[in-house]
Amino acid sequence: WSDGNLVRKTFHKDAKITGYLNDKLLRQSVEDFASFVENQIPSPKDKNDPIIFEVVTLEVGNTTAVAKVRDNYIGIIFIDILSLIKTESGWTIYNKLFEQEK
């Protein structure tokens, strides 16, 4: 919940976070996204926002995976498509595409 360091740890350093927020296309680096997350004040946790996290689909190969998840953040339900890659230090999110649920 609004933890920029967790974003930095979870996403590959070269990852891109891209999608639509309020009908505006956003393209962010990991650092941009981490800063966005850190600037959510009060944080969703502090506002007692409900936690919604649903894995809609998950396909896992030997070194790559794709997940479609439905989650709540900043009062908005998002659909995220996450591509993951397995590195020497474990699984990491390589890219995130997102849109608001309508």
N, C-alpha and C. Protein backbone atom coordinates (compact mmCIF):
# COMPACT_ATOMS: atom_id res chain seq x y z
N TRP A 1 0.84 -1.19 0.00
CA TRP A 1 0.00 0.00 0.00
C TRP A 1 0.88 1.24 0.00
N SER A 2 1.08 1.84 -1.11
CA SER A 2 1.85 3.08 -1.24
C SER A 2 3.30 2.93 -0.76
N ASP A 3 3.89 1.78 -1.03
CA ASP A 3 5.27 1.50 -0.65
C ASP A 3 6.14 1.50 -1.90
N GLY A 4 6.78 2.62 -2.17
CA GLY A 4 7.62 2.75 -3.35
C GLY A 4 8.77 1.76 -3.36
N ASN A 5 9.32 1.46 -2.18
CA ASN A 5 10.43 0.51 -2.12
C ASN A 5 9.98 -0.89 -2.51
N LEU A 6 8.75 -1.25 -2.18
CA LEU A 6 8.21 -2.55 -2.59
C LEU A 6 8.05 -2.59 -4.11
N VAL A 7 7.63 -1.49 -4.71
CA VAL A 7 7.55 -1.41 -6.18
C VAL A 7 8.93 -1.64 -6.78
N ARG A 8 9.91 -0.95 -6.26
CA ARG A 8 11.27 -1.08 -6.78
C ARG A 8 11.81 -2.51 -6.64
N LYS A 9 11.43 -3.17 -5.58
CA LYS A 9 11.89 -4.54 -5.32
C LYS A 9 11.15 -5.55 -6.19
N THR A 10 9.89 -5.33 -6.47
CA THR A 10 9.04 -6.28 -7.17
C THR A 10 9.20 -6.23 -8.68
N PHE A 11 9.45 -5.02 -9.21
CA PHE A 11 9.56 -4.84 -10.65
C PHE A 11 11.02 -4.89 -11.11
N HIS A 12 11.25 -5.48 -12.26
CA HIS A 12 12.57 -5.48 -12.88
C HIS A 12 12.97 -4.03 -13.15
N LYS A 13 14.23 -3.71 -13.06
CA LYS A 13 14.68 -2.32 -13.22
C LYS A 13 14.35 -1.75 -14.60
N ASP A 14 14.20 -2.61 -15.61
CA ASP A 14 13.88 -2.15 -16.96
C ASP A 14 12.38 -2.21 -17.28
N ALA A 15 11.57 -2.54 -16.31
CA ALA A 15 10.13 -2.70 -16.54
C ALA A 15 9.48 -1.38 -16.97
N LYS A 16 8.39 -1.53 -17.67
CA LYS A 16 7.54 -0.39 -18.04
C LYS A 16 6.14 -0.66 -17.49
N ILE A 17 5.52 0.39 -17.02
CA ILE A 17 4.15 0.34 -16.50
C ILE A 17 3.34 1.24 -17.42
N THR A 18 2.40 0.65 -18.15
CA THR A 18 1.70 1.38 -19.20
C THR A 18 0.22 1.06 -19.14
N GLY A 19 -0.60 2.08 -19.29
CA GLY A 19 -2.03 1.84 -19.35
C GLY A 19 -2.81 3.13 -19.25
N TYR A 20 -4.11 2.95 -19.10
CA TYR A 20 -5.03 4.09 -19.07
C TYR A 20 -5.53 4.34 -17.66
N LEU A 21 -5.41 5.59 -17.24
CA LEU A 21 -5.96 6.05 -15.97
C LEU A 21 -6.82 7.26 -16.30
N ASN A 22 -8.11 7.13 -16.02
CA ASN A 22 -9.08 8.19 -16.35
C ASN A 22 -8.97 8.60 -17.82
N ASP A 23 -8.92 7.59 -18.69
CA ASP A 23 -8.88 7.76 -20.14
C ASP A 23 -7.62 8.46 -20.65
N LYS A 24 -6.61 8.55 -19.83
CA LYS A 24 -5.33 9.15 -20.25
C LYS A 24 -4.27 8.05 -20.27
N LEU A 25 -3.56 7.93 -21.40
CA LEU A 25 -2.51 6.92 -21.52
C LEU A 25 -1.28 7.36 -20.71
N LEU A 26 -0.86 6.49 -19.82
CA LEU A 26 0.33 6.74 -19.00
C LEU A 26 1.40 5.73 -19.36
N ARG A 27 2.62 6.20 -19.46
CA ARG A 27 3.79 5.35 -19.68
C ARG A 27 4.79 5.70 -18.59
N GLN A 28 5.10 4.73 -17.75
CA GLN A 28 5.97 5.03 -16.61
C GLN A 28 7.12 4.03 -16.52
N SER A 29 8.23 4.54 -16.03
CA SER A 29 9.34 3.68 -15.63
C SER A 29 9.02 3.15 -14.23
N VAL A 30 9.84 2.24 -13.76
CA VAL A 30 9.65 1.74 -12.39
C VAL A 30 9.78 2.89 -11.40
N GLU A 31 10.76 3.76 -11.61
CA GLU A 31 10.95 4.89 -10.68
C GLU A 31 9.76 5.84 -10.72
N ASP A 32 9.23 6.11 -11.92
CA ASP A 32 8.03 6.96 -12.03
C ASP A 32 6.87 6.34 -11.26
N PHE A 33 6.67 5.04 -11.45
CA PHE A 33 5.57 4.35 -10.79
C PHE A 33 5.77 4.33 -9.28
N ALA A 34 6.99 4.07 -8.84
CA ALA A 34 7.28 4.07 -7.40
C ALA A 34 7.00 5.44 -6.79
N SER A 35 7.37 6.50 -7.49
CA SER A 35 7.10 7.86 -7.00
C SER A 35 5.60 8.13 -6.95
N PHE A 36 4.87 7.69 -7.98
CA PHE A 36 3.41 7.83 -7.97
C PHE A 36 2.81 7.14 -6.75
N VAL A 37 3.25 5.92 -6.50
CA VAL A 37 2.75 5.15 -5.36
C VAL A 37 3.07 5.87 -4.05
N GLU A 38 4.29 6.35 -3.91
CA GLU A 38 4.70 7.03 -2.67
C GLU A 38 3.92 8.30 -2.41
N ASN A 39 3.42 8.93 -3.47
CA ASN A 39 2.71 10.21 -3.32
C ASN A 39 1.22 10.07 -3.08
N GLN A 40 0.74 8.85 -2.88
CA GLN A 40 -0.68 8.66 -2.56
C GLN A 40 -0.86 8.89 -1.06
N ILE A 41 -1.24 10.11 -0.72
CA ILE A 41 -1.36 10.51 0.69
C ILE A 41 -2.77 11.06 0.92
N PRO A 42 -3.51 10.55 1.90
CA PRO A 42 -3.13 9.40 2.72
C PRO A 42 -3.13 8.14 1.87
N SER A 43 -2.36 7.17 2.32
CA SER A 43 -2.24 5.92 1.58
C SER A 43 -3.57 5.17 1.62
N PRO A 44 -3.78 4.27 0.66
CA PRO A 44 -5.00 3.45 0.70
C PRO A 44 -5.14 2.71 2.03
N LYS A 45 -4.01 2.26 2.60
CA LYS A 45 -4.06 1.57 3.89
C LYS A 45 -4.56 2.52 4.98
N ASP A 46 -4.06 3.75 4.98
CA ASP A 46 -4.48 4.72 5.99
C ASP A 46 -5.95 5.11 5.83
N LYS A 47 -6.46 5.02 4.61
CA LYS A 47 -7.87 5.33 4.36
C LYS A 47 -8.76 4.11 4.56
N ASN A 48 -8.17 2.97 4.93
CA ASN A 48 -8.90 1.72 5.11
C ASN A 48 -9.65 1.30 3.85
N ASP A 49 -9.04 1.54 2.68
CA ASP A 49 -9.64 1.07 1.43
C ASP A 49 -9.74 -0.45 1.47
N PRO A 50 -10.82 -1.00 0.91
CA PRO A 50 -10.93 -2.46 0.89
C PRO A 50 -9.86 -3.08 0.01
N ILE A 51 -9.41 -4.26 0.39
CA ILE A 51 -8.42 -4.97 -0.41
C ILE A 51 -9.16 -5.88 -1.38
N ILE A 52 -8.90 -5.68 -2.65
CA ILE A 52 -9.41 -6.56 -3.69
C ILE A 52 -8.20 -7.01 -4.49
N PHE A 53 -8.01 -8.30 -4.55
CA PHE A 53 -6.93 -8.85 -5.36
C PHE A 53 -7.35 -10.22 -5.83
N GLU A 54 -7.59 -10.33 -7.12
CA GLU A 54 -8.07 -11.58 -7.71
C GLU A 54 -7.17 -11.95 -8.88
N VAL A 55 -6.62 -13.14 -8.85
CA VAL A 55 -5.87 -13.65 -9.99
C VAL A 55 -6.90 -14.23 -10.96
N VAL A 56 -7.06 -13.58 -12.11
CA VAL A 56 -8.04 -14.00 -13.09
C VAL A 56 -7.49 -15.16 -13.92
N THR A 57 -6.27 -15.01 -14.41
CA THR A 57 -5.59 -16.08 -15.12
C THR A 57 -4.11 -16.06 -14.78
N LEU A 58 -3.49 -17.22 -14.90
CA LEU A 58 -2.06 -17.33 -14.65
C LEU A 58 -1.51 -18.45 -15.53
N GLU A 59 -0.52 -18.10 -16.34
CA GLU A 59 0.17 -19.10 -17.17
C GLU A 59 1.65 -19.02 -16.84
N VAL A 60 2.21 -20.15 -16.47
CA VAL A 60 3.60 -20.19 -16.03
C VAL A 60 4.39 -21.16 -16.89
N GLY A 61 5.48 -20.67 -17.45
CA GLY A 61 6.43 -21.51 -18.19
C GLY A 61 7.64 -21.75 -17.31
N ASN A 62 8.72 -22.17 -17.94
CA ASN A 62 9.95 -22.43 -17.17
C ASN A 62 10.59 -21.15 -16.66
N THR A 63 10.61 -20.12 -17.50
CA THR A 63 11.29 -18.88 -17.11
C THR A 63 10.45 -17.63 -17.34
N THR A 64 9.24 -17.80 -17.85
CA THR A 64 8.35 -16.66 -18.06
C THR A 64 6.95 -17.00 -17.56
N ALA A 65 6.19 -15.97 -17.27
CA ALA A 65 4.82 -16.16 -16.83
C ALA A 65 4.00 -14.92 -17.20
N VAL A 66 2.70 -15.12 -17.31
CA VAL A 66 1.77 -14.02 -17.57
C VAL A 66 0.61 -14.16 -16.60
N ALA A 67 0.27 -13.06 -15.94
CA ALA A 67 -0.85 -13.07 -15.00
C ALA A 67 -1.80 -11.93 -15.34
N LYS A 68 -3.08 -12.23 -15.26
CA LYS A 68 -4.11 -11.19 -15.35
C LYS A 68 -4.73 -11.10 -13.97
N VAL A 69 -4.66 -9.90 -13.39
CA VAL A 69 -5.17 -9.72 -12.03
C VAL A 69 -6.17 -8.56 -11.99
N ARG A 70 -7.06 -8.65 -11.07
CA ARG A 70 -8.06 -7.60 -10.81
C ARG A 70 -7.79 -7.10 -9.40
N ASP A 71 -7.58 -5.79 -9.27
CA ASP A 71 -7.22 -5.26 -7.96
C ASP A 71 -7.81 -3.86 -7.75
N ASN A 72 -7.85 -3.47 -6.50
CA ASN A 72 -8.34 -2.16 -6.11
C ASN A 72 -7.16 -1.32 -5.64
N TYR A 73 -7.03 -0.12 -6.21
CA TYR A 73 -5.99 0.80 -5.75
C TYR A 73 -6.50 2.21 -5.97
N ILE A 74 -6.29 3.06 -5.01
CA ILE A 74 -6.73 4.46 -5.01
C ILE A 74 -8.22 4.59 -5.35
N GLY A 75 -9.00 3.62 -4.86
CA GLY A 75 -10.44 3.67 -5.06
C GLY A 75 -10.91 3.27 -6.45
N ILE A 76 -10.03 2.69 -7.24
CA ILE A 76 -10.34 2.29 -8.62
C ILE A 76 -10.07 0.80 -8.76
N ILE A 77 -10.95 0.09 -9.47
CA ILE A 77 -10.70 -1.31 -9.79
C ILE A 77 -9.90 -1.35 -11.09
N PHE A 78 -8.74 -1.99 -11.04
CA PHE A 78 -7.87 -2.12 -12.20
C PHE A 78 -7.83 -3.56 -12.68
N ILE A 79 -7.64 -3.71 -13.98
CA ILE A 79 -7.30 -4.99 -14.58
C ILE A 79 -5.85 -4.85 -15.05
N ASP A 80 -4.98 -5.67 -14.52
CA ASP A 80 -3.56 -5.62 -14.84
C ASP A 80 -3.14 -6.88 -15.58
N ILE A 81 -2.33 -6.71 -16.60
CA ILE A 81 -1.68 -7.82 -17.27
C ILE A 81 -0.20 -7.72 -16.92
N LEU A 82 0.31 -8.70 -16.21
CA LEU A 82 1.69 -8.68 -15.73
C LEU A 82 2.50 -9.75 -16.47
N SER A 83 3.62 -9.34 -17.05
CA SER A 83 4.55 -10.32 -17.61
C SER A 83 5.70 -10.44 -16.62
N LEU A 84 6.06 -11.66 -16.32
CA LEU A 84 7.10 -11.93 -15.34
C LEU A 84 8.22 -12.72 -15.98
N ILE A 85 9.40 -12.56 -15.43
CA ILE A 85 10.56 -13.31 -15.89
C ILE A 85 11.29 -13.84 -14.66
N LYS A 86 11.81 -15.05 -14.80
CA LYS A 86 12.56 -15.65 -13.71
C LYS A 86 14.03 -15.30 -13.90
N THR A 87 14.61 -14.67 -12.91
CA THR A 87 16.02 -14.29 -12.95
C THR A 87 16.78 -15.09 -11.89
N GLU A 88 18.05 -14.83 -11.78
CA GLU A 88 18.87 -15.53 -10.78
C GLU A 88 18.36 -15.28 -9.36
N SER A 89 17.71 -14.14 -9.14
CA SER A 89 17.21 -13.82 -7.80
C SER A 89 15.73 -14.14 -7.63
N GLY A 90 15.11 -14.77 -8.63
CA GLY A 90 13.71 -15.18 -8.50
C GLY A 90 12.82 -14.49 -9.53
N TRP A 91 11.52 -14.63 -9.35
CA TRP A 91 10.54 -14.06 -10.27
C TRP A 91 10.43 -12.56 -10.06
N THR A 92 10.31 -11.82 -11.17
CA THR A 92 10.16 -10.37 -11.11
C THR A 92 9.20 -9.92 -12.20
N ILE A 93 8.48 -8.85 -11.96
CA ILE A 93 7.57 -8.31 -12.96
C ILE A 93 8.38 -7.53 -13.97
N TYR A 94 8.25 -7.92 -15.24
CA TYR A 94 9.02 -7.25 -16.28
C TYR A 94 8.21 -6.13 -16.95
N ASN A 95 6.91 -6.31 -17.07
CA ASN A 95 6.05 -5.26 -17.62
C ASN A 95 4.66 -5.37 -17.03
N LYS A 96 4.00 -4.22 -16.98
CA LYS A 96 2.63 -4.17 -16.48
C LYS A 96 1.81 -3.32 -17.43
N LEU A 97 0.72 -3.89 -17.94
CA LEU A 97 -0.29 -3.15 -18.69
C LEU A 97 -1.51 -3.06 -17.80
N PHE A 98 -2.15 -1.91 -17.78
CA PHE A 98 -3.31 -1.78 -16.90
C PHE A 98 -4.41 -0.95 -17.55
N GLU A 99 -5.64 -1.20 -17.08
CA GLU A 99 -6.79 -0.39 -17.46
C GLU A 99 -7.76 -0.41 -16.29
N GLN A 100 -8.64 0.58 -16.29
CA GLN A 100 -9.68 0.64 -15.28
C GLN A 100 -10.83 -0.26 -15.67
N GLU A 101 -11.36 -0.96 -14.70
CA GLU A 101 -12.54 -1.77 -14.96
C GLU A 101 -13.73 -0.84 -15.18
N LYS A 102 -14.51 -1.13 -16.17
CA LYS A 102 -15.68 -0.28 -16.46
C LYS A 102 -16.94 -0.99 -16.08
